[in-house]
Protein backbone atom coordinates (compact mmCIF):
# COMPACT_ATOMS: atom_id res chain seq x y z
CA UNK A 1 -21.17 -1.63 -21.87
CA UNK A 2 -21.12 -4.43 -19.55
CA UNK A 3 -21.33 -3.86 -15.96
CA UNK A 4 -19.01 -6.71 -14.91
CA UNK A 5 -15.35 -5.67 -15.95
CA UNK A 6 -12.84 -8.03 -17.62
CA UNK A 7 -10.39 -10.07 -16.16
CA UNK A 8 -7.01 -8.74 -15.06
CA UNK A 9 -4.31 -9.47 -13.33
CA UNK A 10 -4.42 -6.60 -11.34
CA UNK A 11 -7.84 -7.49 -10.42
CA UNK A 12 -6.71 -10.76 -8.96
CA UNK A 13 -4.40 -9.01 -6.63
CA UNK A 14 -6.72 -6.90 -5.40
CA UNK A 15 -9.08 -10.00 -5.04
CA UNK A 16 -6.77 -11.80 -3.12
CA UNK A 17 -5.31 -8.77 -1.14
CA UNK A 18 -9.10 -7.80 -0.28
CA UNK A 19 -9.89 -11.02 1.06
CA UNK A 20 -6.76 -11.16 3.31
CA UNK A 21 -7.50 -8.07 4.78
CA UNK A 22 -11.03 -8.58 5.61
CA UNK A 23 -9.99 -12.06 7.64
CA UNK A 24 -7.18 -10.31 8.98
CA UNK A 25 -9.68 -7.35 10.39
CA UNK A 26 -12.11 -10.08 11.53
CA UNK A 27 -9.48 -12.18 13.28
CA UNK A 28 -8.36 -9.21 15.28
CA UNK A 29 -12.13 -7.85 16.16
CA UNK A 30 -14.74 -9.03 18.81
CA UNK A 31 -16.74 -11.99 17.44
CA UNK A 32 -19.27 -12.24 19.99
CA UNK A 33 -20.78 -9.90 22.33
CA UNK A 34 -23.17 -11.14 25.09
CA UNK A 35 -24.98 -8.92 26.94
CA UNK A 36 -26.56 -10.10 30.39
CA UNK A 37 -28.97 -8.72 32.59
CA UNK A 38 -30.60 -10.15 35.46
CA UNK A 39 -32.49 -8.95 39.11
CA UNK A 40 -33.73 -11.19 41.84
CA UNK A 41 -37.67 -10.39 41.99
CA UNK A 42 -38.37 -12.09 45.33
CA UNK A 43 -36.73 -12.92 48.26
CA UNK A 44 -33.76 -11.71 50.25
CA UNK A 45 -31.72 -10.45 47.77
CA UNK A 46 -34.54 -8.65 45.67
CA UNK A 47 -34.21 -5.96 44.47
CA UNK A 48 -30.59 -6.55 43.41
CA UNK A 49 -29.60 -6.14 39.68
CA UNK A 50 -26.80 -7.67 38.07
CA UNK A 51 -25.25 -6.45 34.63
CA UNK A 52 -22.60 -8.12 32.52
CA UNK A 53 -20.87 -7.37 29.21
CA UNK A 54 -18.71 -10.20 27.55
CA UNK A 55 -16.97 -10.11 24.48
CA UNK A 56 -15.73 -12.76 22.85
CA UNK A 57 -12.42 -12.49 20.50
CA UNK A 58 -9.96 -14.91 19.01
CA UNK A 59 -8.37 -15.67 22.17
CA UNK A 60 -9.79 -14.12 25.12
CA UNK A 61 -13.12 -13.89 26.94
CA UNK A 62 -13.38 -10.23 28.48
CA UNK A 63 -16.15 -9.78 30.98
CA UNK A 64 -17.09 -6.88 32.72
CA UNK A 65 -19.87 -7.14 35.73
CA UNK A 66 -21.56 -4.45 37.45
CA UNK A 67 -24.34 -5.09 40.54
CA UNK A 68 -26.88 -2.54 41.19
CA UNK A 69 -28.92 -2.48 44.83
CA UNK A 70 -26.19 -4.57 46.38
CA UNK A 71 -26.84 -4.36 49.79
CA UNK A 72 -29.90 -6.58 49.85
CA UNK A 73 -27.59 -9.40 47.88
CA UNK A 74 -24.49 -9.06 50.45
CA UNK A 75 -26.67 -9.41 53.84
CA UNK A 76 -28.21 -12.55 51.96
CA UNK A 77 -24.87 -13.76 51.44
CA UNK A 78 -23.75 -12.63 54.74
CA UNK A 79 -26.79 -14.54 56.43
CA UNK A 80 -27.59 -17.71 54.56
CA UNK A 81 -25.96 -20.66 55.98
CA UNK A 82 -26.44 -24.26 54.61
CA UNK A 83 -24.99 -27.48 56.41
CA UNK A 84 -24.94 -30.48 54.24
CA UNK A 85 -26.63 -33.39 56.31
CA UNK A 86 -24.58 -36.09 57.76
CA UNK A 87 -26.08 -38.47 56.41
CA UNK A 88 -25.95 -37.42 52.59
CA UNK A 89 -22.13 -36.93 52.99
CA UNK A 90 -21.66 -40.29 54.13
CA UNK A 91 -23.62 -41.48 51.50
CA UNK A 92 -21.37 -40.05 48.87
CA UNK A 93 -18.54 -41.03 50.98
CA UNK A 94 -19.34 -44.73 51.16
CA UNK A 95 -20.68 -44.40 47.06
CA UNK A 96 -17.34 -42.97 46.29
CA UNK A 97 -15.30 -46.10 47.21
CA UNK A 98 -15.80 -49.32 45.46
CA UNK A 99 -15.22 -52.94 46.78
CA UNK A 100 -14.91 -55.20 43.75
CA UNK A 101 -12.02 -52.88 42.03
CA UNK A 102 -13.69 -52.00 39.07
CA UNK A 103 -12.01 -49.66 36.64
CA UNK A 104 -13.67 -45.83 37.62
CA UNK A 105 -15.55 -43.86 35.17
CA UNK A 106 -15.10 -40.75 36.89
CA UNK A 107 -12.39 -39.93 34.42
CA UNK A 108 -14.74 -40.52 31.59
CA UNK A 109 -17.07 -38.01 32.99
CA UNK A 110 -14.84 -35.50 33.65
CA UNK A 111 -13.48 -35.53 30.14
CA UNK A 112 -17.00 -35.08 28.99
CA UNK A 113 -17.35 -31.98 31.42
CA UNK A 114 -14.21 -30.17 30.47
CA UNK A 115 -14.64 -30.44 26.90
CA UNK A 116 -13.92 -26.72 26.15
CA UNK A 117 -16.78 -25.79 23.42
CA UNK A 118 -15.57 -22.39 22.63
CA UNK A 119 -12.12 -23.28 22.13
CA UNK A 120 -13.38 -25.54 19.39
CA UNK A 121 -15.46 -22.84 18.08
CA UNK A 122 -12.40 -20.61 18.04
CA UNK A 123 -10.26 -22.81 15.98
CA UNK A 124 -13.37 -24.21 13.57
CA UNK A 125 -13.54 -20.16 12.62
CA UNK A 126 -10.11 -19.72 12.25
CA UNK A 127 -9.65 -22.58 9.99
CA UNK A 128 -12.48 -21.83 8.43
CA UNK A 129 -10.99 -18.11 7.62
CA UNK A 130 -7.41 -19.15 6.65
CA UNK A 131 -9.28 -21.77 4.14
CA UNK A 132 -11.04 -19.03 2.40
CA UNK A 133 -8.13 -17.17 2.07
CA UNK A 134 -6.36 -20.11 0.58
CA UNK A 135 -9.20 -20.63 -1.57
CA UNK A 136 -8.50 -17.10 -3.65
CA UNK A 137 -4.94 -18.23 -4.38
CA UNK A 138 -6.43 -21.59 -5.57
CA UNK A 139 -8.63 -19.54 -7.97
CA UNK A 140 -5.76 -17.79 -9.47
CA UNK A 141 -4.31 -21.33 -10.08
CA UNK A 142 -7.00 -22.29 -12.35
CA UNK A 143 -8.39 -25.38 -10.47
CA UNK A 144 -11.44 -26.86 -11.23
CA UNK A 145 -14.86 -26.22 -9.63
CA UNK A 146 -12.97 -23.03 -8.15
CA UNK A 147 -15.99 -21.15 -8.06
CA UNK A 148 -18.21 -24.07 -6.12
CA UNK A 149 -15.04 -24.55 -3.70
CA UNK A 150 -14.79 -20.80 -2.27
CA UNK A 151 -18.87 -20.22 -2.55
CA UNK A 152 -18.57 -23.47 -0.12
CA UNK A 153 -15.60 -22.00 1.85
CA UNK A 154 -17.37 -18.48 2.50
CA UNK A 155 -20.48 -20.11 3.57
CA UNK A 156 -18.79 -22.06 5.85
CA UNK A 157 -17.20 -18.74 7.45
CA UNK A 158 -20.48 -17.40 7.60
CA UNK A 159 -21.76 -20.65 9.06
CA UNK A 160 -19.39 -20.52 12.02
CA UNK A 161 -19.64 -16.73 13.13
CA UNK A 162 -23.38 -17.37 12.48
CA UNK A 163 -24.05 -20.34 14.37
CA UNK A 164 -20.93 -22.45 15.72
CA UNK A 165 -19.60 -19.38 17.99
CA UNK A 166 -23.10 -18.52 19.77
CA UNK A 167 -23.92 -22.41 20.40
CA UNK A 168 -20.39 -23.26 21.34
CA UNK A 169 -20.81 -20.35 23.88
CA UNK A 170 -24.05 -21.92 25.12
CA UNK A 171 -22.82 -25.37 25.40
CA UNK A 172 -19.45 -23.73 27.43
CA UNK A 173 -22.11 -21.92 29.57
CA UNK A 174 -24.12 -24.55 30.26
CA UNK A 175 -21.84 -27.78 29.69
CA UNK A 176 -24.28 -29.01 27.02
CA UNK A 177 -28.13 -29.04 27.11
CA UNK A 178 -28.35 -30.58 30.60
CA UNK A 179 -25.79 -32.28 32.81
CA UNK A 180 -26.75 -34.78 35.42
CA UNK A 181 -25.03 -34.34 38.78
CA UNK A 182 -26.59 -36.48 41.17
CA UNK A 183 -30.35 -35.69 41.65
CA UNK A 184 -29.90 -32.18 40.01
CA UNK A 185 -29.94 -30.94 36.43
CA UNK A 186 -28.41 -27.77 35.67
CA UNK A 187 -29.37 -26.02 32.67
CA UNK A 188 -28.95 -21.83 31.26
CA UNK A 189 -31.12 -20.82 33.91
CA UNK A 190 -29.13 -22.19 36.51
CA UNK A 191 -26.15 -21.40 35.15
CA UNK A 192 -27.08 -17.45 35.57
CA UNK A 193 -28.15 -17.66 38.96
CA UNK A 194 -25.61 -15.31 40.52
CA UNK A 195 -24.61 -16.96 43.52
CA UNK A 196 -24.01 -20.94 42.53
CA UNK A 197 -25.20 -22.36 45.75
CA UNK A 198 -24.34 -25.59 47.02
CA UNK A 199 -25.68 -28.99 45.51
CA UNK A 200 -29.00 -29.88 46.97
CA UNK A 201 -29.08 -26.14 48.76
CA UNK A 202 -32.44 -25.27 46.82
CA UNK A 203 -35.61 -27.05 47.37
CA UNK A 204 -38.36 -27.17 44.59
CA UNK A 205 -36.36 -25.67 41.97
CA UNK A 206 -37.62 -24.53 38.98
CA UNK A 207 -36.29 -23.14 35.64
CA UNK A 208 -37.59 -21.92 32.46
CA UNK A 209 -35.57 -20.86 29.26
CA UNK A 210 -37.41 -19.29 26.63
CA UNK A 211 -35.57 -18.30 23.15
CA UNK A 212 -36.14 -15.20 20.58
CA UNK A 213 -34.56 -13.88 17.89
CA UNK A 214 -33.00 -10.43 17.41
CA UNK A 215 -31.79 -8.38 14.48
CA UNK A 216 -28.48 -9.01 15.46
CA UNK A 217 -28.36 -12.49 17.43
CA UNK A 218 -30.38 -14.21 19.99
CA UNK A 219 -32.14 -13.78 23.06
CA UNK A 220 -32.71 -15.97 25.71
CA UNK A 221 -35.32 -14.99 28.82
CA UNK A 222 -34.53 -16.98 31.65
CA UNK A 223 -36.16 -17.58 35.53
CA UNK A 224 -34.36 -19.69 37.82
CA UNK A 225 -36.49 -20.02 41.76
CA UNK A 226 -36.47 -22.36 44.58
CA UNK A 227 -36.80 -22.43 48.12
CA UNK A 228 -32.84 -21.31 49.77
CA UNK A 229 -32.33 -23.96 52.63
CA UNK A 230 -29.48 -21.64 53.81
CA UNK A 231 -32.13 -19.63 54.83
CA UNK A 232 -33.76 -22.25 56.70
CA UNK A 233 -32.80 -24.08 60.13
CA UNK A 234 -31.40 -27.34 59.80
CA UNK A 235 -34.19 -29.23 61.33
CA UNK A 236 -36.73 -28.19 58.86
CA UNK A 237 -34.41 -29.08 56.05
CA UNK A 238 -36.22 -32.66 55.45
CA UNK A 239 -39.63 -31.08 55.80
CA UNK A 240 -38.96 -28.17 53.44
CA UNK A 241 -37.68 -30.73 50.98
CA UNK A 242 -40.61 -32.84 51.09
CA UNK A 243 -43.49 -30.18 51.31
CA UNK A 244 -43.61 -26.39 49.72
CA UNK A 245 -43.94 -24.39 52.87
CA UNK A 246 -47.38 -22.34 53.55
CA UNK A 247 -47.63 -18.59 52.91
CA UNK A 248 -47.73 -18.06 56.69
CA UNK A 249 -44.86 -20.75 57.74
CA UNK A 250 -41.64 -18.94 58.46
CA UNK A 251 -39.45 -21.01 55.97
CA UNK A 252 -41.66 -19.20 53.23
CA UNK A 253 -38.99 -16.66 53.45
CA UNK A 254 -36.81 -18.86 51.82
CA UNK A 255 -37.73 -18.40 48.27
CA UNK A 256 -35.60 -16.70 45.72
CA UNK A 257 -36.34 -15.81 42.37
CA UNK A 258 -34.29 -14.56 39.47
CA UNK A 259 -35.13 -13.33 36.17
CA UNK A 260 -32.59 -12.43 33.44
CA UNK A 261 -31.93 -11.86 29.79
CA UNK A 262 -28.87 -13.26 27.97
CA UNK A 263 -28.17 -11.36 24.38
CA UNK A 264 -26.01 -13.03 22.19
CA UNK A 265 -25.01 -10.50 19.51
CA UNK A 266 -22.45 -10.90 16.34
CA UNK A 267 -19.33 -8.79 16.33
CA UNK A 268 -20.23 -5.33 14.48
CA UNK A 269 -17.12 -6.34 12.01
CA UNK A 270 -18.93 -9.09 10.65
CA UNK A 271 -20.88 -7.12 7.89
CA UNK A 272 -17.24 -6.62 6.22
CA UNK A 273 -17.50 -10.47 5.45
CA UNK A 274 -19.95 -9.85 2.81
CA UNK A 275 -17.92 -7.50 0.75
CA UNK A 276 -15.85 -10.53 -0.18
CA UNK A 277 -18.71 -11.53 -2.85
CA UNK A 278 -18.79 -8.15 -4.40
CA UNK A 279 -14.73 -8.41 -5.00
CA UNK A 280 -15.66 -11.75 -7.14
CA UNK A 281 -18.22 -9.58 -9.28
CA UNK A 282 -16.14 -6.59 -9.68
CA UNK A 283 -12.88 -8.51 -9.89
CA UNK A 284 -13.58 -11.44 -11.49
CA UNK A 285 -11.43 -14.49 -11.89
CA UNK A 286 -9.64 -15.70 -15.29
CA UNK A 287 -12.13 -17.77 -17.39
CA UNK A 288 -12.30 -21.83 -17.46
CA UNK A 289 -9.55 -23.29 -19.57
CA UNK A 290 -10.59 -24.61 -22.99
CA UNK A 291 -10.68 -28.39 -22.69
CA UNK A 292 -7.45 -28.81 -25.02
CA UNK A 293 -5.43 -25.98 -23.46
CA UNK A 294 -6.25 -27.28 -19.73
CA UNK A 295 -5.25 -30.86 -21.16
CA UNK A 296 -1.89 -29.62 -22.83
CA UNK A 297 -1.38 -27.63 -18.97
CA UNK A 298 -2.04 -31.08 -17.27
CA UNK A 299 -0.09 -33.07 -19.84
CA UNK A 300 -3.16 -35.35 -20.32
CA UNK A 301 -3.12 -34.33 -24.32
């Protein structure tokens, strides 16, 4: 007795219904869960810890943030005071007023920065689920290469959940691998710095990002550090920018270091997607038409 049953109309209905129900189940559940945990290890805001939980579904991004030992961080934000140098502001104002009447390129850069990568990932995932459901209907219609088609579409759905969604979230978080803003380069590690400081407010910035794989996702271990000019007297800005303060220098107390972990984990309901190949086995599609019969149906005889 063969393990795989014969084709039946009931099997077709169960296979299509099961695929649609699994697709709906995935649409209504969380697609990506991000766990963030960071801590100030050096400087005045230490030892403040920051924890965040982010859940991403088909249309929303839910965020829950919690801070521990926040007193030092609040005092740090209360006492820091950064004044942008007058010369740099004048340079920015003079550079932003062109004299030759040439067309501005600022609109192009704004469009590049405003790309909603996560929105694109959501749309691609929804489209892949819809196409997977339609492929089962085409299988019942008996189109050629139906097995290859639905296998390719199922692979596309898996890729969207396992690769596209995490990648688009990271791109949305960091604005690309690196975004140049003047002389500064903002990376993922910089984005996780809890209080985004003013441009140029951190001297001798350093950031590292190390990636590792988890059983259910990806982990980013990040570090961001620098000398916060908000804790330095304005007259010492240029000195701190040019040379790293010595250990006995009062400006050395402006050093701030922040370590964090960012875990991108897949939704708990994602394994239900792998029930679809089982339905293909236990509820097989109708065997291929013979050449003559197919020719009769298509009017090619």
